[in-house]
C-alpha atoms as a PDB file:
ATOM      1  CA  MET A   1     156.089 101.842 120.003  1.00  0.00           C
ATOM      2  CA  SER A   2     157.296  98.756 118.309  1.00  0.00           C
ATOM      3  CA  PRO A   3     156.575  98.154 114.908  1.00  0.00           C
ATOM      4  CA  CYS A   4     154.520  94.831 116.026  1.00  0.00           C
ATOM      5  CA  PHE A   5     152.730  96.905 118.004  1.00  0.00           C
ATOM      6  CA  LEU A   6     151.793  99.107 115.424  1.00  0.00           C
ATOM      7  CA  PHE A   7     151.208  96.435 112.869  1.00  0.00           C
ATOM      8  CA  TYR A   8     148.557  94.522 115.388  1.00  0.00           C
ATOM      9  CA  PHE A   9     146.888  97.921 116.104  1.00  0.00           C
ATOM     10  CA  GLY A  10     146.204  98.753 112.413  1.00  0.00           C
ATOM     11  CA  ARG A  11     144.422  95.597 112.113  1.00  0.00           C
ATOM     12  CA  VAL A  12     142.371  95.860 115.084  1.00  0.00           C
ATOM     13  CA  TRP A  13     141.685  99.250 114.205  1.00  0.00           C
ATOM     14  CA  ARG A  14     140.680  98.325 110.191  1.00  0.00           C
ATOM     15  CA  SER A  15     138.146  95.670 111.816  1.00  0.00           C
ATOM     16  CA  LEU A  16     136.847  97.517 114.116  1.00  0.00           C
ATOM     17  CA  PHE A  17     136.057 100.137 111.493  1.00  0.00           C
ATOM     18  CA  ILE A  18     134.451  97.587 109.300  1.00  0.00           C
ATOM     19  CA  VAL A  19     132.256  96.015 111.896  1.00  0.00           C
ATOM     20  CA  VAL A  20     130.908  99.733 112.389  1.00  0.00           C
ATOM     21  CA  SER A  21     130.416 100.214 108.652  1.00  0.00           C
ATOM     22  CA  VAL A  22     127.919  97.511 108.447  1.00  0.00           C
ATOM     23  CA  THR A  23     126.145  97.732 111.761  1.00  0.00           C
ATOM     24  CA  LEU A  24     125.490 101.420 111.639  1.00  0.00           C
ATOM     25  CA  PRO A  25     123.852 101.255 108.141  1.00  0.00           C
ATOM     26  CA  CYS A  26     122.141  98.318 109.265  1.00  0.00           C
ATOM     27  CA  ILE A  27     120.308 100.673 112.470  1.00  0.00           C
ATOM     28  CA  VAL A  28     119.494 103.235 109.925  1.00  0.00           C
ATOM     29  CA  ILE A  29     117.837 101.295 107.816  1.00  0.00           C
ATOM     30  CA  MET A  30     115.831 100.043 110.332  1.00  0.00           C
ATOM     31  CA  PHE A  31     114.691 103.331 111.397  1.00  0.00           C
ATOM     32  CA  HIS A  32     113.687 104.159 107.853  1.00  0.00           C
ATOM     33  CA  ASN A  33     116.458 106.338 105.951  1.00  0.00           C
ATOM     34  CA  GLN A  34     118.147 103.738 103.409  1.00  0.00           C
ATOM     35  CA  LEU A  35     119.942 106.845 101.330  1.00  0.00           C
ATOM     36  CA  VAL A  36     121.891 107.820 104.492  1.00  0.00           C
ATOM     37  CA  SER A  37     122.638 104.009 105.263  1.00  0.00           C
ATOM     38  CA  CYS A  38     124.053 103.955 101.816  1.00  0.00           C
ATOM     39  CA  VAL A  39     126.299 106.625 101.955  1.00  0.00           C
ATOM     40  CA  LEU A  40     127.580 105.632 104.948  1.00  0.00           C
ATOM     41  CA  ILE A  41     128.535 102.323 103.428  1.00  0.00           C
ATOM     42  CA  CYS A  42     130.383 104.025 100.579  1.00  0.00           C
ATOM     43  CA  LEU A  43     132.421 105.909 102.844  1.00  0.00           C
ATOM     44  CA  CYS A  44     133.038 103.608 105.190  1.00  0.00           C
ATOM     45  CA  LEU A  45     134.097 101.426 102.580  1.00  0.00           C
ATOM     46  CA  MET A  46     136.226 103.964 100.875  1.00  0.00           C
ATOM     47  CA  CYS A  47     137.932 104.982 103.854  1.00  0.00           C
ATOM     48  CA  VAL A  48     138.871 101.129 105.055  1.00  0.00           C
ATOM     49  CA  PHE A  49     139.819 100.241 101.478  1.00  0.00           C
ATOM     50  CA  LYS A  50     140.989 103.023  99.759  1.00  0.00           C
ATOM     51  CA  SER A  51     142.574 101.315  96.875  1.00  0.00           C
ATOM     52  CA  SER A  52     139.873  98.839  96.338  1.00  0.00           C
ATOM     53  CA  VAL A  53     138.173  99.787  93.045  1.00  0.00           C
ATOM     54  CA  PHE A  54     136.090  96.255  93.273  1.00  0.00           C
ATOM     55  CA  LEU A  55     134.775  97.035  96.760  1.00  0.00           C
ATOM     56  CA  CYS A  56     133.936 100.602  96.327  1.00  0.00           C
ATOM     57  CA  SER A  57     131.996  99.462  92.739  1.00  0.00           C
ATOM     58  CA  LEU A  58     130.421  96.693  95.026  1.00  0.00           C
ATOM     59  CA  SER A  59     129.238  99.424  97.563  1.00  0.00           C
ATOM     60  CA  CYS A  60     127.801 101.511  94.882  1.00  0.00           C
ATOM     61  CA  ARG A  61     125.684  98.498  93.627  1.00  0.00           C
ATOM     62  CA  MET A  62     124.386  98.136  96.956  1.00  0.00           C
ATOM     63  CA  CYS A  63     123.229 101.538  97.284  1.00  0.00           C
ATOM     64  CA  ILE A  64     121.268 101.185  94.465  1.00  0.00           C
ATOM     65  CA  SER A  65     119.702  97.946  95.498  1.00  0.00           C
ATOM     66  CA  LEU A  66     118.810  99.190  99.060  1.00  0.00           C
ATOM     67  CA  SER A  67     117.424 102.793  97.811  1.00  0.00           C
ATOM     68  CA  SER A  68     114.708 101.016  95.761  1.00  0.00           C
ATOM     69  CA  LEU A  69     113.353  99.111  98.578  1.00  0.00           C
ATOM     70  CA  PRO A  70     110.215 100.190 100.117  1.00  0.00           C
ATOM     71  CA  SER A  71     110.767 102.027 103.474  1.00  0.00           C
ATOM     72  CA  PRO A  72     109.520 100.762 107.014  1.00  0.00           C
ATOM     73  CA  ARG A  73     107.498 103.832 107.274  1.00  0.00           C
ATOM     74  CA  LEU A  74     105.687 103.568 104.175  1.00  0.00           C
ATOM     75  CA  CYS A  75     104.989  99.558 104.474  1.00  0.00           C
ATOM     76  CA  SER A  76     103.707 100.313 107.720  1.00  0.00           C
ATOM     77  CA  ARG A  77     101.075 102.162 106.613  1.00  0.00           C
ATOM     78  CA  LEU A  78     100.370  99.579 103.589  1.00  0.00           C
ATOM     79  CA  GLY A  79     100.108  96.397 105.611  1.00  0.00           C
ATOM     80  CA  PRO A  80     101.792  93.422 108.135  1.00  0.00           C
ATOM     81  CA  PRO A  81     105.584  92.849 107.363  1.00  0.00           C
ATOM     82  CA  HIS A  82     104.858  89.726 105.153  1.00  0.00           C
ATOM     83  CA  THR A  83     103.362  92.128 102.333  1.00  0.00           C
ATOM     84  CA  LEU A  84     106.315  94.272 102.451  1.00  0.00           C
ATOM     85  CA  HIS A  85     107.926  93.091  99.223  1.00  0.00           C
ATOM     86  CA  LYS A  86     104.545  93.573  97.381  1.00  0.00           C
ATOM     87  CA  VAL A  87     103.799  97.233  97.763  1.00  0.00           C
ATOM     88  CA  ARG A  88     105.672  98.263  94.786  1.00  0.00           C
ATOM     89  CA  LEU A  89     106.232  94.681  93.251  1.00  0.00           C
ATOM     90  CA  TRP A  90     109.495  95.144  91.526  1.00  0.00           C
ATOM     91  CA  SER A  91     110.047  92.361  89.149  1.00  0.00           C
ATOM     92  CA  SER A  92     113.835  91.225  88.276  1.00  0.00           C
ATOM     93  CA  VAL A  93     114.151  94.097  85.933  1.00  0.00           C
ATOM     94  CA  LEU A  94     112.625  97.029  87.983  1.00  0.00           C
ATOM     95  CA  MET A  95     109.226  96.553  86.650  1.00  0.00           C
ATOM     96  CA  THR A  96     106.124  97.408  88.787  1.00  0.00           C
ATOM     97  CA  ARG A  97     102.535  95.566  88.823  1.00  0.00           C
ATOM     98  CA  VAL A  98      99.381  97.166  87.772  1.00  0.00           C
ATOM     99  CA  PHE A  99      95.876  95.742  88.096  1.00  0.00           C
ATOM    100  CA  VAL A 100      93.659  96.866  84.913  1.00  0.00           C
ATOM    101  CA  TYR A 101      89.758  96.298  85.240  1.00  0.00           C
ATOM    102  CA  GLY A 102      88.527  98.307  82.671  1.00  0.00           C
ATOM    103  CA  THR A 103      88.917  99.963  79.200  1.00  0.00           C
ATOM    104  CA  LEU A 104      92.833  98.244  79.440  1.00  0.00           C
ATOM    105  CA  LYS A 105      91.925  94.894  79.338  1.00  0.00           C
ATOM    106  CA  LYS A 106      92.186  92.268  76.543  1.00  0.00           C
ATOM    107  CA  GLY A 107      89.312  93.103  74.368  1.00  0.00           C
ATOM    108  CA  GLN A 108      88.394  96.456  75.160  1.00  0.00           C
ATOM    109  CA  PRO A 109      89.112  99.690  73.489  1.00  0.00           C
ATOM    110  CA  ASN A 110      92.539 100.896  75.094  1.00  0.00           C
ATOM    111  CA  ASN A 111      94.121  97.527  75.589  1.00  0.00           C
ATOM    112  CA  TYR A 112      96.569  98.474  72.471  1.00  0.00           C
ATOM    113  CA  ARG A 113      97.932 101.136  74.337  1.00  0.00           C
ATOM    114  CA  MET A 114      99.794  98.848  76.710  1.00  0.00           C
ATOM    115  CA  PHE A 115     101.766  97.681  73.912  1.00  0.00           C
ATOM    116  CA  GLU A 116     102.689 101.131  71.893  1.00  0.00           C
ATOM    117  CA  SER A 117     106.138 100.947  72.059  1.00  0.00           C
ATOM    118  CA  ASN A 118     106.209 104.489  72.587  1.00  0.00           C
ATOM    119  CA  ASN A 119     104.427 104.508  75.911  1.00  0.00           C
ATOM    120  CA  GLY A 120     106.961 101.988  77.260  1.00  0.00           C
ATOM    121  CA  LYS A 121     107.153  98.377  78.082  1.00  0.00           C
ATOM    122  CA  ALA A 122     104.081  96.211  79.377  1.00  0.00           C
ATOM    123  CA  GLU A 123     103.874  92.498  79.593  1.00  0.00           C
ATOM    124  CA  TYR A 124     100.674  90.603  80.692  1.00  0.00           C
ATOM    125  CA  LEU A 125     101.000  88.610  83.635  1.00  0.00           C
ATOM    126  CA  GLY A 126      97.898  86.870  84.374  1.00  0.00           C
ATOM    127  CA  SER A 127      94.304  87.546  85.783  1.00  0.00           C
ATOM    128  CA  ALA A 128      92.844  88.298  89.250  1.00  0.00           C
ATOM    129  CA  PHE A 129      90.022  89.480  91.145  1.00  0.00           C
ATOM    130  CA  THR A 130      89.821  91.957  94.291  1.00  0.00           C
ATOM    131  CA  ILE A 131      89.905  90.247  98.017  1.00  0.00           C
ATOM    132  CA  GLN A 132      87.460  92.847  98.841  1.00  0.00           C
ATOM    133  CA  LYS A 133      84.071  94.105  97.258  1.00  0.00           C
ATOM    134  CA  TYR A 134      84.415  97.395  95.336  1.00  0.00           C
ATOM    135  CA  PRO A 135      81.873  99.187  93.381  1.00  0.00           C
ATOM    136  CA  LEU A 136      82.617  99.187  89.785  1.00  0.00           C
ATOM    137  CA  VAL A 137      80.471 101.573  88.000  1.00  0.00           C
ATOM    138  CA  ILE A 138      80.218 103.241  84.447  1.00  0.00           C
ATOM    139  CA  THR A 139      79.774 106.904  84.692  1.00  0.00           C
ATOM    140  CA  THR A 140      79.673 110.310  82.726  1.00  0.00           C
ATOM    141  CA  LYS A 141      78.466 110.910  79.194  1.00  0.00           C
ATOM    142  CA  ASP A 142      81.650 108.779  77.907  1.00  0.00           C
ATOM    143  CA  ASN A 143      80.779 105.933  79.707  1.00  0.00           C
ATOM    144  CA  ILE A 144      84.083 105.683  81.333  1.00  0.00           C
ATOM    145  CA  PRO A 145      84.514 102.905  84.166  1.00  0.00           C
ATOM    146  CA  PHE A 146      85.356 103.787  87.463  1.00  0.00           C
ATOM    147  CA  LEU A 147      86.643 101.599  90.170  1.00  0.00           C
ATOM    148  CA  LEU A 148      85.318 103.145  93.610  1.00  0.00           C
ATOM    149  CA  ASN A 149      87.501 103.261  96.518  1.00  0.00           C
ATOM    150  CA  ILE A 150      84.963 102.101  99.005  1.00  0.00           C
ATOM    151  CA  PRO A 151      85.828  98.574 100.329  1.00  0.00           C
ATOM    152  CA  GLY A 152      83.206  96.583 101.307  1.00  0.00           C
ATOM    153  CA  GLN A 153      80.663  97.622  98.569  1.00  0.00           C
ATOM    154  CA  GLY A 154      79.771  96.420  95.079  1.00  0.00           C
ATOM    155  CA  HIS A 155      81.271  93.297  93.960  1.00  0.00           C
ATOM    156  CA  ARG A 156      84.949  91.297  93.770  1.00  0.00           C
ATOM    157  CA  VAL A 157      86.231  92.994  90.608  1.00  0.00           C
ATOM    158  CA  HIS A 158      87.609  90.779  87.907  1.00  0.00           C
ATOM    159  CA  GLY A 159      90.558  91.975  85.659  1.00  0.00           C
ATOM    160  CA  GLU A 160      94.197  91.618  84.673  1.00  0.00           C
ATOM    161  CA  ILE A 161      97.749  91.728  86.104  1.00  0.00           C
ATOM    162  CA  TYR A 162     100.623  93.799  84.097  1.00  0.00           C
ATOM    163  CA  LYS A 163     104.191  94.427  84.676  1.00  0.00           C
ATOM    164  CA  VAL A 164     105.067  97.752  83.304  1.00  0.00           C
ATOM    165  CA  ASP A 165     108.557  99.767  83.293  1.00  0.00           C
ATOM    166  CA  ASP A 166     108.749 103.527  84.894  1.00  0.00           C
ATOM    167  CA  GLN A 167     108.147 104.917  81.313  1.00  0.00           C
ATOM    168  CA  MET A 168     104.741 103.182  80.762  1.00  0.00           C
ATOM    169  CA  LEU A 169     103.781 103.927  84.693  1.00  0.00           C
ATOM    170  CA  LYS A 170     104.137 107.573  83.950  1.00  0.00           C
ATOM    171  CA  PHE A 171     102.205 107.441  80.756  1.00  0.00           C
ATOM    172  CA  LEU A 172      99.438 105.485  82.496  1.00  0.00           C
ATOM    173  CA  ASP A 173      99.392 108.157  85.498  1.00  0.00           C
ATOM    174  CA  ASP A 174      98.958 110.393  82.163  1.00  0.00           C
ATOM    175  CA  PHE A 175      96.252 108.590  80.605  1.00  0.00           C
ATOM    176  CA  GLU A 176      94.169 108.467  84.090  1.00  0.00           C
ATOM    177  CA  SER A 177      94.592 111.820  84.798  1.00  0.00           C
ATOM    178  CA  VAL A 178      96.101 111.304  88.036  1.00  0.00           C
ATOM    179  CA  PRO A 179      95.391 112.845  91.037  1.00  0.00           C
ATOM    180  CA  THR A 180      92.091 114.588  89.402  1.00  0.00           C
ATOM    181  CA  LEU A 181      90.351 111.856  87.928  1.00  0.00           C
ATOM    182  CA  TYR A 182      92.012 108.734  89.107  1.00  0.00           C
ATOM    183  CA  GLN A 183      94.076 108.458  92.014  1.00  0.00           C
ATOM    184  CA  ARG A 184      96.964 105.170  92.087  1.00  0.00           C
ATOM    185  CA  THR A 185      96.538 103.333  95.264  1.00  0.00           C
ATOM    186  CA  VAL A 186      97.256  99.743  96.298  1.00  0.00           C
ATOM    187  CA  VAL A 187      94.965  96.861  95.952  1.00  0.00           C
ATOM    188  CA  GLN A 188      94.744  93.390  97.438  1.00  0.00           C
ATOM    189  CA  LEU A 189      94.214  90.550  94.697  1.00  0.00           C
ATOM    190  CA  GLU A 190      93.520  87.015  94.661  1.00  0.00           C
ATOM    191  CA  VAL A 191      95.189  85.331  91.209  1.00  0.00           C
ATOM    192  CA  LYS A 192      92.999  83.201  89.055  1.00  0.00           C
ATOM    193  CA  GLU A 193      95.514  82.567  86.324  1.00  0.00           C
ATOM    194  CA  TRP A 194      99.258  83.206  86.071  1.00  0.00           C
ATOM    195  CA  VAL A 195     101.445  83.073  82.957  1.00  0.00           C
ATOM    196  CA  GLY A 196     104.083  85.255  83.504  1.00  0.00           C
ATOM    197  CA  LYS A 197     107.417  84.726  83.599  1.00  0.00           C
ATOM    198  CA  THR A 198     108.642  84.188  87.244  1.00  0.00           C
ATOM    199  CA  GLU A 199     112.629  84.223  86.692  1.00  0.00           C
ATOM    200  CA  GLY A 200     114.111  85.606  89.654  1.00  0.00           C
ATOM    201  CA  GLU A 201     110.751  86.249  91.400  1.00  0.00           C
ATOM    202  CA  GLU A 202     108.568  84.322  93.559  1.00  0.00           C
ATOM    203  CA  LYS A 203     106.669  81.680  91.906  1.00  0.00           C
ATOM    204  CA  VAL A 204     103.317  82.750  91.513  1.00  0.00           C
ATOM    205  CA  SER A 205     100.025  80.415  91.715  1.00  0.00           C
ATOM    206  CA  PRO A 206      96.454  80.228  91.241  1.00  0.00           C
ATOM    207  CA  GLY A 207      94.684  81.378  94.820  1.00  0.00           C
ATOM    208  CA  SER A 208      97.986  83.261  95.737  1.00  0.00           C
ATOM    209  CA  ILE A 209      97.279  86.711  97.322  1.00  0.00           C
ATOM    210  CA  THR A 210      99.517  89.724  95.781  1.00  0.00           C
ATOM    211  CA  ASP A 211      99.429  93.633  96.014  1.00  0.00           C
ATOM    212  CA  VAL A 212      99.470  95.378  92.977  1.00  0.00           C
ATOM    213  CA  PHE A 213      98.788  99.232  92.325  1.00  0.00           C
ATOM    214  CA  VAL A 214      95.631  99.860  90.851  1.00  0.00           C
ATOM    215  CA  TYR A 215      93.517 103.154  89.502  1.00  0.00           C
ATOM    216  CA  THR A 216      90.666 103.989  91.731  1.00  0.00           C
ATOM    217  CA  ALA A 217      88.741 107.098  92.149  1.00  0.00           C
ATOM    218  CA  THR A 218      88.471 108.152  96.171  1.00  0.00           C
ATOM    219  CA  THR A 219      86.979 111.459  94.707  1.00  0.00           C
ATOM    220  CA  TYR A 220      83.604 111.198  93.111  1.00  0.00           C
ATOM    221  CA  LYS A 221      80.071 112.756  92.755  1.00  0.00           C
ATOM    222  CA  PRO A 222      77.903 111.626  95.413  1.00  0.00           C
ATOM    223  CA  ASP A 223      75.457 110.118  93.094  1.00  0.00           C
ATOM    224  CA  TRP A 224      77.864 107.791  91.840  1.00  0.00           C
ATOM    225  CA  ARG A 225      77.695 105.467  94.724  1.00  0.00           C
ATOM    226  CA  SER A 226      73.827 104.649  93.800  1.00  0.00           C
ATOM    227  CA  LEU A 227      74.713 103.671  90.337  1.00  0.00           C
ATOM    228  CA  PRO A 228      74.550  99.721  88.812  1.00  0.00           C
ATOM    229  CA  CYS A 229      77.788  97.928  90.064  1.00  0.00           C
ATOM    230  CA  TYR A 230      79.555  95.613  87.588  1.00  0.00           C
ATOM    231  CA  GLU A 231      81.986  92.606  88.404  1.00  0.00           C
ATOM    232  CA  ASN A 232      83.628  92.149  85.078  1.00  0.00           C
ATOM    233  CA  TYR A 233      83.553  95.220  82.717  1.00  0.00           C
ATOM    234  CA  ASP A 234      83.182  94.929  79.182  1.00  0.00           C
ATOM    235  CA  SER A 235      82.370  97.834  76.809  1.00  0.00           C
ATOM    236  CA  GLU A 236      80.182  96.278  74.906  1.00  0.00           C
ATOM    237  CA  GLY A 237      78.029  94.363  77.543  1.00  0.00           C
ATOM    238  CA  ASP A 238      74.768  94.431  78.104  1.00  0.00           C
ATOM    239  CA  HIS A 239      74.364  97.710  79.953  1.00  0.00           C
ATOM    240  CA  GLY A 240      74.542  99.373  76.846  1.00  0.00           C
ATOM    241  CA  LEU A 241      76.585 102.046  77.996  1.00  0.00           C
ATOM    242  CA  LYS A 242      79.615 101.635  75.201  1.00  0.00           C
ATOM    243  CA  TYR A 243      82.975 103.429  75.711  1.00  0.00           C
ATOM    244  CA  ARG A 244      83.266 106.750  73.929  1.00  0.00           C
ATOM    245  CA  PRO A 245      87.024 106.666  72.991  1.00  0.00           C
ATOM    246  CA  ARG A 246      89.122 109.978  73.665  1.00  0.00           C
ATOM    247  CA  GLU A 247      89.391 110.257  69.721  1.00  0.00           C
ATOM    248  CA  GLU A 248      85.391 110.838  69.476  1.00  0.00           C
ATOM    249  CA  ARG A 249      85.098 113.336  72.188  1.00  0.00           C
ATOM    250  CA  ASP A 250      84.663 117.000  71.986  1.00  0.00           C
END
């Protein structure tokens, strides 16, 4: 074969390999498995550009970004396509948005835990209330507030949105005794006030609808459903059911 033919054959082969390296992972992404697609991207780019450290580094960064996205299978269980970016609600520094409605709110007994450095990082973003009605009840001998996961009953519950890092999210899971006492689920909110920074994120304005994590009770005693419901929890409220801090319990 002539050198010219070999030269052009090599260029065509490399071009086809690049096309396959991009399209094949995209097809895999559509069918759920981002991790496999990321590995394919890395391997293909490393094969085509053996000596390109920059492209290998770039492909690794693509792997990290793609692997953090929610899978289509997960999103199909949580809502329509327009809410996909809201399921875990990563901020520009990989933090998660959480809705608090009880003792973790401002002015309530456990709010200080959101700002203890040993627990992780948290930032107040704004206030909001649930789109659907939920029963917010106060029960047990320690007067603990529970948001029962019964959409359509009770009131539209008011609370606050925070963004937290993974360390704080793990602390909150432990603090809320997930999954025995509470379960971390997704709730849809209407924003009342937004003070958080939106650099690198979508702009949020009052009246916007967003999905965040919340700690609810999906398992509870049958008589809890008949308890009085509240829309805006206050430990010192007229209900007379003052929260009993953990330090004061037996």
